[in-house]
C-alpha cells in the first residue's frame, strides 16, 4: 500500500505521547502511522488529524463538530467506534492524553 498524506509533526507528537505507554507499538493502518496494543490498532494519524477507537457511546458524548468529529472513512461512511480529533497545532494533542489512555483500556477490556 502506498504511503498516505499526513502531518509529520503530528506523527512525531503521537510517537512522543503513545510509544512510551506500556505495550504500545508503532505500526501502519490503511497506509497511515498507527499505534497498537496487543496487536490491535487503537489510534492512527490520518490526513486530517488523529483517529482513536472508543466505545460508540463515548464517541457520541465527545462529538463537538469542531475538534471532535465522527471518523468518516468516505463521505457518509462513519465508523461509530472511532473518533477523529482534529487539532490545529500538534502540541494541542497533549490535552487528549486521557482519551488515548481510555482507548487502550477499551481494547484491553
N, C-alpha and C. Protein backbone atom coordinates (compact mmCIF):
# COMPACT_ATOMS: atom_id res chain seq x y z
N UNK A 1 0.85 -1.17 0.00
CA UNK A 1 0.00 0.00 0.00
C UNK A 1 0.89 1.24 0.00
N UNK A 2 0.52 2.24 -0.77
CA UNK A 2 1.33 3.45 -0.84
C UNK A 2 1.22 4.27 0.44
N UNK A 3 2.23 5.12 0.65
CA UNK A 3 2.22 6.00 1.81
C UNK A 3 1.12 7.04 1.65
N UNK A 4 0.45 7.36 2.73
CA UNK A 4 -0.62 8.34 2.73
C UNK A 4 -0.09 9.70 3.16
N UNK A 5 -0.89 10.71 2.91
CA UNK A 5 -0.54 12.07 3.28
C UNK A 5 -0.94 12.33 4.74
N UNK A 6 0.03 12.69 5.56
CA UNK A 6 -0.24 13.02 6.96
C UNK A 6 0.82 14.01 7.41
N UNK A 7 0.57 14.67 8.51
CA UNK A 7 1.47 15.69 9.05
C UNK A 7 2.56 15.01 9.89
N UNK A 8 3.81 15.18 9.49
CA UNK A 8 4.93 14.56 10.20
C UNK A 8 5.06 15.07 11.63
N UNK A 9 4.75 16.35 11.86
CA UNK A 9 4.83 16.91 13.22
C UNK A 9 3.77 16.27 14.11
N UNK A 10 2.60 16.02 13.56
CA UNK A 10 1.53 15.35 14.32
C UNK A 10 1.97 13.93 14.67
N UNK A 11 2.57 13.23 13.69
CA UNK A 11 3.06 11.87 13.94
C UNK A 11 4.13 11.88 15.02
N UNK A 12 5.05 12.83 14.96
CA UNK A 12 6.12 12.91 15.96
C UNK A 12 5.54 13.12 17.35
N UNK A 13 4.50 13.95 17.46
CA UNK A 13 3.86 14.19 18.76
C UNK A 13 3.19 12.91 19.25
N UNK A 14 2.53 12.19 18.36
CA UNK A 14 1.89 10.93 18.76
C UNK A 14 2.94 9.90 19.18
N UNK A 15 4.05 9.84 18.45
CA UNK A 15 5.14 8.93 18.85
C UNK A 15 5.59 9.26 20.26
N UNK A 16 5.81 10.54 20.52
CA UNK A 16 6.27 11.00 21.83
C UNK A 16 5.27 10.64 22.94
N UNK A 17 3.99 10.79 22.65
CA UNK A 17 2.96 10.54 23.66
C UNK A 17 2.63 9.07 23.84
N UNK A 18 2.56 8.33 22.73
CA UNK A 18 1.99 6.99 22.78
C UNK A 18 3.01 5.86 22.88
N UNK A 19 4.18 6.04 22.28
CA UNK A 19 5.15 4.94 22.30
C UNK A 19 5.80 4.73 23.65
N UNK A 20 5.55 5.63 24.60
CA UNK A 20 6.06 5.45 25.96
C UNK A 20 5.07 4.68 26.84
N UNK A 21 3.86 4.46 26.32
CA UNK A 21 2.84 3.72 27.08
C UNK A 21 3.20 2.23 27.06
N UNK A 22 3.11 1.56 28.20
CA UNK A 22 3.46 0.13 28.26
C UNK A 22 2.68 -0.70 27.24
N UNK A 23 3.41 -1.48 26.45
CA UNK A 23 2.80 -2.39 25.49
C UNK A 23 2.44 -1.78 24.15
N UNK A 24 2.55 -0.48 23.99
CA UNK A 24 2.17 0.18 22.74
C UNK A 24 3.31 0.07 21.73
N UNK A 25 2.94 -0.29 20.51
CA UNK A 25 3.91 -0.43 19.43
C UNK A 25 3.45 0.40 18.23
N UNK A 26 4.41 0.94 17.50
CA UNK A 26 4.11 1.66 16.27
C UNK A 26 3.87 0.68 15.15
N UNK A 27 3.00 1.06 14.22
CA UNK A 27 2.65 0.18 13.11
C UNK A 27 2.09 1.04 11.97
N UNK A 28 1.34 0.40 11.08
CA UNK A 28 0.64 1.07 9.99
C UNK A 28 -0.80 0.57 9.97
N UNK A 29 -1.71 1.45 9.57
CA UNK A 29 -3.12 1.08 9.35
C UNK A 29 -3.60 1.87 8.15
N UNK A 30 -4.01 1.18 7.13
CA UNK A 30 -4.52 1.83 5.92
C UNK A 30 -3.46 2.75 5.29
N UNK A 31 -2.17 2.42 5.50
CA UNK A 31 -1.09 3.22 4.96
C UNK A 31 -0.69 4.40 5.84
N UNK A 32 -1.33 4.57 6.98
CA UNK A 32 -1.03 5.66 7.90
C UNK A 32 -0.29 5.14 9.12
N UNK A 33 0.48 6.02 9.80
CA UNK A 33 1.12 5.61 11.05
C UNK A 33 0.05 5.23 12.08
N UNK A 34 0.24 4.10 12.74
CA UNK A 34 -0.76 3.61 13.69
C UNK A 34 -0.08 3.16 14.97
N UNK A 35 -0.91 2.98 15.99
CA UNK A 35 -0.43 2.56 17.31
C UNK A 35 -1.29 1.40 17.76
N UNK A 36 -0.61 0.33 18.20
CA UNK A 36 -1.30 -0.90 18.58
C UNK A 36 -1.01 -1.27 20.02
N UNK A 37 -1.99 -1.95 20.60
CA UNK A 37 -1.82 -2.58 21.90
C UNK A 37 -2.31 -4.02 21.74
N UNK A 38 -1.49 -4.98 22.12
CA UNK A 38 -1.82 -6.41 21.93
C UNK A 38 -2.25 -6.72 20.50
N UNK A 39 -1.57 -6.09 19.54
CA UNK A 39 -1.84 -6.36 18.14
C UNK A 39 -3.07 -5.67 17.57
N UNK A 40 -3.77 -4.87 18.36
CA UNK A 40 -4.98 -4.18 17.90
C UNK A 40 -4.73 -2.68 17.78
N UNK A 41 -5.16 -2.10 16.66
CA UNK A 41 -4.99 -0.67 16.44
C UNK A 41 -5.94 0.10 17.35
N UNK A 42 -5.40 1.07 18.11
CA UNK A 42 -6.25 1.92 18.94
C UNK A 42 -6.18 3.38 18.50
N UNK A 43 -5.20 3.72 17.67
CA UNK A 43 -5.08 5.10 17.19
C UNK A 43 -4.25 5.12 15.92
N UNK A 44 -4.53 6.10 15.06
CA UNK A 44 -3.66 6.33 13.92
C UNK A 44 -3.72 7.78 13.49
N UNK A 45 -2.62 8.21 12.88
CA UNK A 45 -2.50 9.57 12.37
C UNK A 45 -3.03 9.58 10.96
N UNK A 46 -4.07 10.36 10.72
CA UNK A 46 -4.66 10.46 9.39
C UNK A 46 -4.34 11.78 8.72
N UNK A 47 -4.97 12.02 7.60
CA UNK A 47 -4.71 13.24 6.85
C UNK A 47 -5.30 14.48 7.51
N UNK A 48 -6.33 14.30 8.34
CA UNK A 48 -7.00 15.46 8.97
C UNK A 48 -6.77 15.54 10.46
N UNK A 49 -6.15 14.55 11.05
CA UNK A 49 -5.97 14.56 12.50
C UNK A 49 -5.55 13.20 12.98
N UNK A 50 -6.03 12.85 14.18
CA UNK A 50 -5.73 11.56 14.79
C UNK A 50 -7.05 10.87 15.07
N UNK A 51 -7.15 9.60 14.71
CA UNK A 51 -8.35 8.81 14.97
C UNK A 51 -8.05 7.86 16.13
N UNK A 52 -9.02 7.75 17.05
CA UNK A 52 -8.86 6.81 18.17
C UNK A 52 -10.12 5.98 18.32
N UNK A 53 -9.93 4.76 18.80
CA UNK A 53 -11.04 3.82 18.99
C UNK A 53 -11.54 3.91 20.43
N UNK A 54 -12.85 4.13 20.54
CA UNK A 54 -13.53 4.21 21.84
C UNK A 54 -14.91 3.59 21.70
N UNK A 55 -15.56 3.26 22.81
CA UNK A 55 -16.93 2.75 22.70
C UNK A 55 -17.83 3.78 21.97
N UNK A 56 -18.75 3.27 21.19
CA UNK A 56 -19.63 4.14 20.37
C UNK A 56 -20.32 5.22 21.20
N UNK A 57 -20.81 4.87 22.38
CA UNK A 57 -21.50 5.86 23.22
C UNK A 57 -20.54 6.94 23.70
N UNK A 58 -19.30 6.56 23.98
CA UNK A 58 -18.31 7.55 24.40
C UNK A 58 -17.98 8.49 23.25
N UNK A 59 -17.86 7.95 22.05
CA UNK A 59 -17.62 8.78 20.87
C UNK A 59 -18.74 9.80 20.73
N UNK A 60 -19.98 9.34 20.82
CA UNK A 60 -21.13 10.26 20.69
C UNK A 60 -21.09 11.37 21.72
N UNK A 61 -20.67 11.05 22.93
CA UNK A 61 -20.65 12.04 24.00
C UNK A 61 -19.54 13.09 23.81
N UNK A 62 -18.53 12.77 23.02
CA UNK A 62 -17.41 13.68 22.81
C UNK A 62 -17.56 14.58 21.59
N UNK A 63 -18.43 14.23 20.68
CA UNK A 63 -18.56 14.98 19.43
C UNK A 63 -18.93 16.43 19.69
N UNK A 64 -18.15 17.34 19.08
CA UNK A 64 -18.47 18.76 19.21
C UNK A 64 -18.54 19.45 17.84
N UNK A 65 -18.23 18.72 16.77
CA UNK A 65 -18.32 19.27 15.42
C UNK A 65 -17.18 20.20 15.05
N UNK A 66 -16.30 20.49 15.98
CA UNK A 66 -15.18 21.40 15.70
C UNK A 66 -13.86 20.65 15.75
N UNK A 67 -13.53 20.14 16.93
CA UNK A 67 -12.28 19.40 17.11
C UNK A 67 -12.55 17.89 17.15
N UNK A 68 -13.62 17.53 17.84
CA UNK A 68 -14.00 16.12 17.98
C UNK A 68 -15.11 15.82 16.97
N UNK A 69 -14.76 15.01 15.98
CA UNK A 69 -15.70 14.74 14.88
C UNK A 69 -15.85 13.24 14.66
N UNK A 70 -16.96 12.84 14.05
CA UNK A 70 -17.10 11.42 13.69
C UNK A 70 -15.98 11.05 12.71
N UNK A 71 -15.49 9.84 12.81
CA UNK A 71 -14.46 9.39 11.88
C UNK A 71 -15.15 8.86 10.63
N UNK A 72 -14.96 9.58 9.55
CA UNK A 72 -15.61 9.25 8.28
C UNK A 72 -14.56 8.71 7.32
N UNK A 73 -14.67 7.43 6.96
CA UNK A 73 -13.69 6.82 6.05
C UNK A 73 -13.94 7.20 4.60
N UNK A 74 -15.17 7.53 4.30
CA UNK A 74 -15.59 8.04 2.99
C UNK A 74 -16.85 8.84 3.26
N UNK A 75 -17.18 9.73 2.38
CA UNK A 75 -18.34 10.58 2.61
C UNK A 75 -19.57 9.73 2.93
N UNK A 76 -20.12 9.99 4.13
CA UNK A 76 -21.31 9.27 4.58
C UNK A 76 -21.04 7.92 5.23
N UNK A 77 -19.77 7.47 5.25
CA UNK A 77 -19.42 6.18 5.83
C UNK A 77 -18.65 6.42 7.13
N UNK A 78 -19.38 6.40 8.25
CA UNK A 78 -18.80 6.71 9.56
C UNK A 78 -18.57 5.43 10.34
N UNK A 79 -17.38 5.33 10.95
CA UNK A 79 -17.09 4.23 11.86
C UNK A 79 -17.49 4.70 13.25
N UNK A 80 -18.52 4.11 13.82
CA UNK A 80 -19.11 4.63 15.05
C UNK A 80 -18.24 4.44 16.29
N UNK A 81 -17.28 3.54 16.27
CA UNK A 81 -16.38 3.37 17.42
C UNK A 81 -15.05 4.09 17.22
N UNK A 82 -15.01 5.02 16.29
CA UNK A 82 -13.80 5.79 16.04
C UNK A 82 -14.11 7.27 16.10
N UNK A 83 -13.22 8.02 16.76
CA UNK A 83 -13.34 9.46 16.91
C UNK A 83 -12.18 10.12 16.19
N UNK A 84 -12.47 11.15 15.42
CA UNK A 84 -11.43 11.93 14.75
C UNK A 84 -11.18 13.19 15.56
N UNK A 85 -9.95 13.32 16.06
CA UNK A 85 -9.56 14.51 16.82
C UNK A 85 -8.75 15.38 15.86
N UNK A 86 -9.28 16.57 15.56
CA UNK A 86 -8.66 17.43 14.56
C UNK A 86 -8.21 18.75 15.18
N UNK A 87 -7.04 18.71 15.79
CA UNK A 87 -6.45 19.90 16.42
C UNK A 87 -5.62 20.67 15.40
N UNK A 88 -5.61 21.99 15.53
CA UNK A 88 -4.84 22.82 14.59
C UNK A 88 -3.35 22.68 14.79
N UNK A 89 -2.90 22.62 16.03
CA UNK A 89 -1.47 22.52 16.33
C UNK A 89 -1.19 21.18 17.01
N UNK A 90 -0.12 20.55 16.59
CA UNK A 90 0.19 19.22 17.12
C UNK A 90 0.39 19.22 18.63
N UNK A 91 0.88 20.33 19.21
CA UNK A 91 1.09 20.39 20.65
C UNK A 91 -0.21 20.25 21.43
N UNK A 92 -1.31 20.63 20.81
CA UNK A 92 -2.62 20.61 21.48
C UNK A 92 -3.10 19.19 21.79
N UNK A 93 -2.52 18.19 21.16
CA UNK A 93 -2.95 16.81 21.41
C UNK A 93 -2.61 16.35 22.83
N UNK A 94 -1.71 17.06 23.49
CA UNK A 94 -1.37 16.70 24.86
C UNK A 94 -2.60 16.71 25.76
N UNK A 95 -3.55 17.61 25.48
CA UNK A 95 -4.76 17.67 26.31
C UNK A 95 -5.68 16.46 26.12
N UNK A 96 -5.39 15.63 25.12
CA UNK A 96 -6.18 14.44 24.85
C UNK A 96 -5.55 13.17 25.41
N UNK A 97 -4.50 13.32 26.21
CA UNK A 97 -3.79 12.14 26.74
C UNK A 97 -4.74 11.16 27.41
N UNK A 98 -5.69 11.66 28.17
CA UNK A 98 -6.65 10.79 28.85
C UNK A 98 -7.49 9.97 27.89
N UNK A 99 -7.82 10.54 26.74
CA UNK A 99 -8.61 9.81 25.73
C UNK A 99 -7.80 8.67 25.13
N UNK A 100 -6.51 8.89 24.91
CA UNK A 100 -5.66 7.81 24.39
C UNK A 100 -5.56 6.68 25.41
N UNK A 101 -5.47 7.03 26.69
CA UNK A 101 -5.45 6.02 27.75
C UNK A 101 -6.77 5.25 27.78
N UNK A 102 -7.89 5.97 27.61
CA UNK A 102 -9.21 5.31 27.56
C UNK A 102 -9.28 4.33 26.41
N UNK A 103 -8.71 4.74 25.27
CA UNK A 103 -8.73 3.88 24.08
C UNK A 103 -7.98 2.58 24.35
N UNK A 104 -6.80 2.68 24.95
CA UNK A 104 -6.02 1.49 25.28
C UNK A 104 -6.82 0.60 26.25
N UNK A 105 -7.39 1.19 27.27
CA UNK A 105 -8.18 0.42 28.24
C UNK A 105 -9.37 -0.26 27.56
N UNK A 106 -10.00 0.42 26.63
CA UNK A 106 -11.14 -0.14 25.88
C UNK A 106 -10.70 -1.40 25.12
N UNK A 107 -9.55 -1.34 24.46
CA UNK A 107 -9.10 -2.51 23.71
C UNK A 107 -8.58 -3.63 24.59
N UNK A 108 -8.14 -3.29 25.77
CA UNK A 108 -7.65 -4.32 26.70
C UNK A 108 -8.78 -4.98 27.50
N UNK A 109 -9.96 -4.38 27.47
CA UNK A 109 -11.07 -4.92 28.28
C UNK A 109 -11.75 -6.10 27.60
